[in-house]
Amino acid sequence: MIIEAIILGIVQGITEFLPVSSSAHLILLPWMFGQQGTLIDSLNFDVALHAGTLVAILAFFWRDWVDLLGKFLTGIKDGTWKTNEGRLVWFIVLATIPAGVLGLQYEHVVEESFRNPLLIAGTLAAISLVMWAADRYSAKTADLGHLSLGHAILIGFAQAFALVPGVSRSGITITAGLLSGYKREDAARFSFLLSTPVIAGAAILKLHKLRLAAGEATPFVLGTLFSAIVGYLSIKFLLQYLNRHSLNLFVWYRLALAGVVVALWAAWR
């Protein structure tokens, strides 16, 4: 159980923030290796993974949030909330609504309906093509200082589709940002800022159901710890990587994973 907790924590930390879909990996890996671990469907461990990713994103972006909220609150007093920093907070709040509403209503339905490996392979491949096209043909000239309400809402609705395994929250929101004309790094930064309230909400909603039985404390702590550490490193890597490179690395990885899933499914029929 200890090794399983560490492995799942690492997988969550990598795949939650890189555009490859954490939910797809957490479903596909046990299927590929022909085993269902004791932790993979555990509510308590699900809380641990969400808590770890929340710690990671807050640790990385705490300065951004302190700066944004400080300027937003100051702007309310002196009327300058309509400046870039003040508007960005409002945009994040409004853009979070679609994912929040749809997530509360349909999260379990969508995740249960899309657990079929072939469906996940199809989603991985389809979104890969959209990612490639957005990266290849978008303008990639705008920065967050020019973010509009319309673009923020568009990215927010895109985030709602991340409920489907194989889509990827960061993948679909970065793609929506690119389609709106923003630079890769700026699209990724807004993607992470936008995901913070959703990840926090999911962790808080599940935290009150947490009931650790004897022997579960250590796996819970290890899962949270490894998810947080690896998640932090994944965020740092992606932002630096997209400053100089395209999304093609992740596009090819997703297509390769989809191909492996289809090949295994055909071989095991």
Protein backbone atom coordinates (compact mmCIF):
# COMPACT_ATOMS: atom_id res chain seq x y z
CA MET A 1 0.00 0.00 0.00
CA ILE A 2 2.92 2.35 0.70
CA ILE A 3 4.48 1.82 -2.74
CA GLU A 4 1.07 2.19 -4.38
CA ALA A 5 0.48 5.49 -2.54
CA ILE A 6 3.85 6.86 -3.69
CA ILE A 7 3.32 5.78 -7.32
CA LEU A 8 -0.20 7.22 -7.48
CA GLY A 9 0.98 10.45 -5.84
CA ILE A 10 3.72 10.82 -8.45
CA VAL A 11 1.32 10.03 -11.31
CA GLN A 12 -1.20 12.57 -10.01
CA GLY A 13 1.48 15.25 -9.55
CA ILE A 14 2.72 14.85 -13.11
CA THR A 15 -0.53 14.37 -14.96
CA GLU A 16 -2.71 16.88 -13.11
CA PHE A 17 -0.67 19.82 -14.41
CA LEU A 18 0.84 18.56 -17.65
CA PRO A 19 -1.69 18.47 -20.53
CA VAL A 20 -2.04 14.68 -20.55
CA SER A 21 -5.10 14.06 -18.26
CA SER A 22 -4.67 12.80 -14.71
CA SER A 23 -8.05 11.05 -14.66
CA ALA A 24 -7.16 9.09 -17.80
CA HIS A 25 -3.89 7.89 -16.29
CA LEU A 26 -5.43 6.92 -12.96
CA ILE A 27 -7.99 4.81 -14.85
CA LEU A 28 -5.70 3.38 -17.52
CA LEU A 29 -2.66 2.37 -15.46
CA PRO A 30 -4.50 -0.22 -13.31
CA TRP A 31 -6.26 -1.48 -16.43
CA MET A 32 -2.98 -1.85 -18.33
CA PHE A 33 -1.30 -3.75 -15.52
CA GLY A 34 -4.33 -5.88 -14.85
CA GLN A 35 -4.88 -4.93 -11.25
CA GLN A 36 -7.14 -2.73 -9.18
CA GLY A 37 -5.23 -1.52 -6.15
CA THR A 38 -6.65 -0.93 -2.74
CA LEU A 39 -6.18 2.83 -3.08
CA ILE A 40 -7.22 3.63 -6.63
CA ASP A 41 -10.95 3.82 -5.87
CA SER A 42 -10.57 4.99 -2.28
CA LEU A 43 -12.35 8.24 -1.36
CA ASN A 44 -9.74 8.93 1.31
CA PHE A 45 -6.89 8.64 -1.17
CA ASP A 46 -8.78 10.72 -3.70
CA VAL A 47 -8.82 13.45 -1.05
CA ALA A 48 -5.07 13.01 -0.55
CA LEU A 49 -4.35 13.44 -4.28
CA HIS A 50 -6.55 16.56 -4.51
CA ALA A 51 -4.98 17.98 -1.35
CA GLY A 52 -1.51 17.41 -2.79
CA THR A 53 -2.26 19.17 -6.06
CA LEU A 54 -3.88 22.05 -4.16
CA VAL A 55 -0.75 22.46 -2.03
CA ALA A 56 1.38 22.41 -5.20
CA ILE A 57 -0.55 25.10 -7.04
CA LEU A 58 -0.88 27.36 -3.97
CA ALA A 59 2.82 26.99 -3.18
CA PHE A 60 3.79 27.94 -6.72
CA PHE A 61 1.36 30.82 -7.27
CA TRP A 62 0.95 32.26 -3.76
CA ARG A 63 2.81 35.44 -4.69
CA ASP A 64 0.58 35.89 -7.74
CA TRP A 65 -2.56 35.47 -5.63
CA VAL A 66 -1.36 37.83 -2.91
CA ASP A 67 -0.53 40.45 -5.54
CA LEU A 68 -3.79 40.00 -7.47
CA LEU A 69 -6.03 40.03 -4.41
CA GLY A 70 -4.17 42.96 -2.89
CA LYS A 71 -4.57 45.08 -6.02
CA PHE A 72 -8.17 43.95 -6.41
CA LEU A 73 -9.12 44.98 -2.86
CA THR A 74 -7.24 48.26 -3.18
CA GLY A 75 -8.95 48.84 -6.51
CA ILE A 76 -12.38 48.49 -4.95
CA LYS A 77 -11.55 51.37 -2.60
CA ASP A 78 -10.02 53.75 -5.12
CA GLY A 79 -11.96 52.70 -8.20
CA THR A 80 -9.01 51.18 -10.06
CA TRP A 81 -10.38 47.61 -9.94
CA LYS A 82 -10.95 47.89 -13.67
CA THR A 83 -7.19 47.77 -14.26
CA ASN A 84 -5.58 44.58 -15.52
CA GLU A 85 -4.93 43.04 -12.10
CA GLY A 86 -8.34 43.94 -10.72
CA ARG A 87 -10.16 42.65 -13.77
CA LEU A 88 -8.21 39.39 -13.72
CA VAL A 89 -9.67 38.44 -10.33
CA TRP A 90 -13.21 39.06 -11.61
CA PHE A 91 -12.45 37.12 -14.78
CA ILE A 92 -11.19 34.12 -12.77
CA VAL A 93 -14.28 34.19 -10.55
CA LEU A 94 -16.68 34.33 -13.51
CA ALA A 95 -14.74 31.79 -15.58
CA THR A 96 -14.77 29.32 -12.68
CA ILE A 97 -18.59 29.16 -12.61
CA PRO A 98 -19.09 26.78 -15.58
CA ALA A 99 -16.70 24.13 -14.22
CA GLY A 100 -18.04 24.57 -10.69
CA VAL A 101 -21.70 24.17 -11.66
CA LEU A 102 -21.20 21.31 -14.11
CA GLY A 103 -18.71 19.61 -11.82
CA LEU A 104 -21.14 19.48 -8.90
CA GLN A 105 -23.91 18.08 -11.10
CA TYR A 106 -22.15 15.73 -13.47
CA GLU A 107 -18.68 14.80 -12.16
CA HIS A 108 -19.55 11.27 -11.05
CA VAL A 109 -21.84 10.63 -14.02
CA VAL A 110 -19.22 11.66 -16.57
CA GLU A 111 -16.34 9.83 -14.85
CA GLU A 112 -18.35 6.61 -14.57
CA SER A 113 -19.64 6.81 -18.14
CA PHE A 114 -16.19 7.45 -19.64
CA ARG A 115 -14.17 4.82 -17.79
CA ASN A 116 -14.07 2.62 -20.89
CA PRO A 117 -10.43 2.50 -22.12
CA LEU A 118 -11.46 2.86 -25.77
CA LEU A 119 -13.50 5.97 -25.05
CA ILE A 120 -10.56 7.44 -23.13
CA ALA A 121 -8.23 6.62 -26.04
CA GLY A 122 -10.62 8.42 -28.39
CA THR A 123 -10.73 11.47 -26.13
CA LEU A 124 -6.94 11.52 -25.77
CA ALA A 125 -6.51 11.42 -29.56
CA ALA A 126 -9.25 13.93 -30.39
CA ILE A 127 -8.06 16.57 -27.93
CA SER A 128 -4.48 15.99 -29.12
CA LEU A 129 -5.46 17.07 -32.62
CA VAL A 130 -7.21 20.15 -31.28
CA MET A 131 -4.14 21.01 -29.18
CA TRP A 132 -1.86 20.62 -32.20
CA ALA A 133 -4.07 22.78 -34.44
CA ALA A 134 -4.41 25.52 -31.80
CA ASP A 135 -0.66 25.62 -31.24
CA ARG A 136 0.14 25.48 -34.93
CA TYR A 137 -2.26 28.11 -36.25
CA SER A 138 -3.04 30.52 -33.39
CA ALA A 139 -1.53 34.00 -33.31
CA LYS A 140 0.19 33.58 -29.91
CA THR A 141 0.78 37.33 -29.54
CA ALA A 142 -1.45 38.51 -26.66
CA ASP A 143 -0.51 38.49 -22.97
CA LEU A 144 -2.63 38.36 -19.80
CA GLY A 145 -2.66 42.14 -19.63
CA HIS A 146 -4.98 42.08 -22.65
CA LEU A 147 -7.27 39.29 -21.42
CA SER A 148 -10.92 40.04 -22.21
CA LEU A 149 -14.02 38.87 -20.39
CA GLY A 150 -15.16 36.95 -23.44
CA HIS A 151 -11.90 35.05 -23.68
CA ALA A 152 -11.91 34.32 -19.94
CA ILE A 153 -15.44 32.88 -20.15
CA LEU A 154 -14.48 30.83 -23.21
CA ILE A 155 -11.54 29.33 -21.31
CA GLY A 156 -13.82 28.77 -18.31
CA PHE A 157 -16.29 26.75 -20.40
CA ALA A 158 -13.36 24.80 -21.84
CA GLN A 159 -12.30 23.93 -18.30
CA ALA A 160 -15.72 22.35 -17.69
CA PHE A 161 -14.94 19.74 -20.38
CA ALA A 162 -12.00 18.55 -18.28
CA LEU A 163 -14.53 16.45 -16.34
CA VAL A 164 -14.22 13.91 -19.15
CA PRO A 165 -11.23 11.54 -18.66
CA GLY A 166 -8.68 12.07 -21.41
CA VAL A 167 -9.38 15.77 -21.94
CA SER A 168 -6.99 17.29 -19.33
CA ARG A 169 -7.79 20.50 -17.48
CA SER A 170 -4.52 22.19 -18.40
CA GLY A 171 -4.63 20.81 -21.94
CA ILE A 172 -8.09 22.12 -22.81
CA THR A 173 -7.69 25.50 -21.10
CA ILE A 174 -4.26 26.16 -22.60
CA THR A 175 -5.72 25.19 -25.97
CA ALA A 176 -8.61 27.62 -25.48
CA GLY A 177 -6.11 30.31 -24.53
CA LEU A 178 -4.09 29.66 -27.67
CA LEU A 179 -7.21 29.74 -29.82
CA SER A 180 -7.94 33.16 -28.28
CA GLY A 181 -4.53 34.38 -29.46
CA TYR A 182 -2.49 34.30 -26.24
CA LYS A 183 1.13 33.29 -25.88
CA ARG A 184 1.76 29.74 -24.71
CA GLU A 185 3.21 30.70 -21.31
CA ASP A 186 0.46 33.26 -20.65
CA ALA A 187 -2.22 30.75 -21.62
CA ALA A 188 -0.65 28.22 -19.25
CA ARG A 189 -0.37 30.73 -16.40
CA PHE A 190 -4.03 31.70 -16.70
CA SER A 191 -4.91 28.01 -16.93
CA PHE A 192 -3.24 27.36 -13.57
CA LEU A 193 -4.71 30.45 -11.90
CA LEU A 194 -8.15 29.46 -13.18
CA SER A 195 -7.79 25.89 -11.94
CA THR A 196 -6.93 26.97 -8.38
CA PRO A 197 -10.53 27.64 -7.20
CA VAL A 198 -11.78 24.41 -8.81
CA ILE A 199 -9.04 22.27 -7.27
CA ALA A 200 -9.57 23.98 -3.92
CA GLY A 201 -13.32 23.47 -4.12
CA ALA A 202 -12.96 19.79 -4.97
CA ALA A 203 -10.50 19.23 -2.10
CA ILE A 204 -12.69 21.04 0.44
CA LEU A 205 -15.88 19.26 -0.63
CA LYS A 206 -14.23 15.88 -0.25
CA LEU A 207 -12.27 16.73 2.89
CA HIS A 208 -15.32 16.72 5.14
CA LYS A 209 -15.96 13.09 4.15
CA LEU A 210 -12.47 12.05 5.20
CA ARG A 211 -12.45 9.19 7.71
CA LEU A 212 -9.06 7.54 8.05
CA ALA A 213 -9.09 3.96 9.26
CA ALA A 214 -6.22 2.20 10.99
CA GLY A 215 -3.21 1.97 8.68
CA GLU A 216 -4.45 4.60 6.21
CA ALA A 217 -2.69 7.61 7.70
CA THR A 218 0.74 6.83 6.25
CA PRO A 219 -0.48 6.21 2.66
CA PHE A 220 -2.62 9.36 2.92
CA VAL A 221 0.34 11.50 3.98
CA LEU A 222 2.67 9.99 1.39
CA GLY A 223 0.12 10.40 -1.40
CA THR A 224 -0.41 14.04 -0.46
CA LEU A 225 3.32 14.71 -0.11
CA PHE A 226 4.41 13.16 -3.40
CA SER A 227 1.47 14.67 -5.28
CA ALA A 228 2.40 18.12 -3.92
CA ILE A 229 6.14 17.90 -4.60
CA VAL A 230 5.86 16.40 -8.07
CA GLY A 231 2.95 18.71 -8.91
CA TYR A 232 5.02 21.79 -8.00
CA LEU A 233 7.88 20.59 -10.20
CA SER A 234 5.46 19.83 -13.05
CA ILE A 235 4.04 23.37 -12.98
CA LYS A 236 7.54 24.85 -12.99
CA PHE A 237 8.61 22.59 -15.84
CA LEU A 238 5.59 23.34 -18.03
CA LEU A 239 5.80 27.11 -17.70
CA GLN A 240 9.51 27.07 -18.57
CA TYR A 241 9.02 24.57 -21.37
CA LEU A 242 6.22 26.46 -23.08
CA ASN A 243 8.30 29.62 -23.04
CA ARG A 244 10.41 28.09 -25.80
CA HIS A 245 8.61 25.03 -27.11
CA SER A 246 5.30 23.99 -28.62
CA LEU A 247 2.75 21.53 -27.27
CA ASN A 248 3.90 18.86 -29.71
CA LEU A 249 5.67 16.78 -27.05
CA PHE A 250 2.39 16.30 -25.22
CA VAL A 251 0.43 15.84 -28.43
CA TRP A 252 2.66 12.94 -29.47
CA TYR A 253 2.62 11.44 -25.99
CA ARG A 254 -1.19 11.49 -25.89
CA LEU A 255 -1.43 9.94 -29.35
CA ALA A 256 1.09 7.25 -28.40
CA LEU A 257 -0.83 6.46 -25.20
CA ALA A 258 -4.08 6.24 -27.17
CA GLY A 259 -2.38 3.89 -29.63
CA VAL A 260 -1.11 1.65 -26.83
CA VAL A 261 -4.59 1.48 -25.31
CA VAL A 262 -6.17 0.47 -28.64
CA ALA A 263 -3.43 -2.12 -29.28
CA LEU A 264 -3.85 -3.67 -25.82
CA TRP A 265 -7.62 -3.70 -26.15
CA ALA A 266 -7.37 -5.48 -29.51
CA ALA A 267 -4.82 -7.97 -28.17
CA TRP A 268 -6.90 -8.82 -25.12
CA ARG A 269 -10.19 -9.36 -26.94
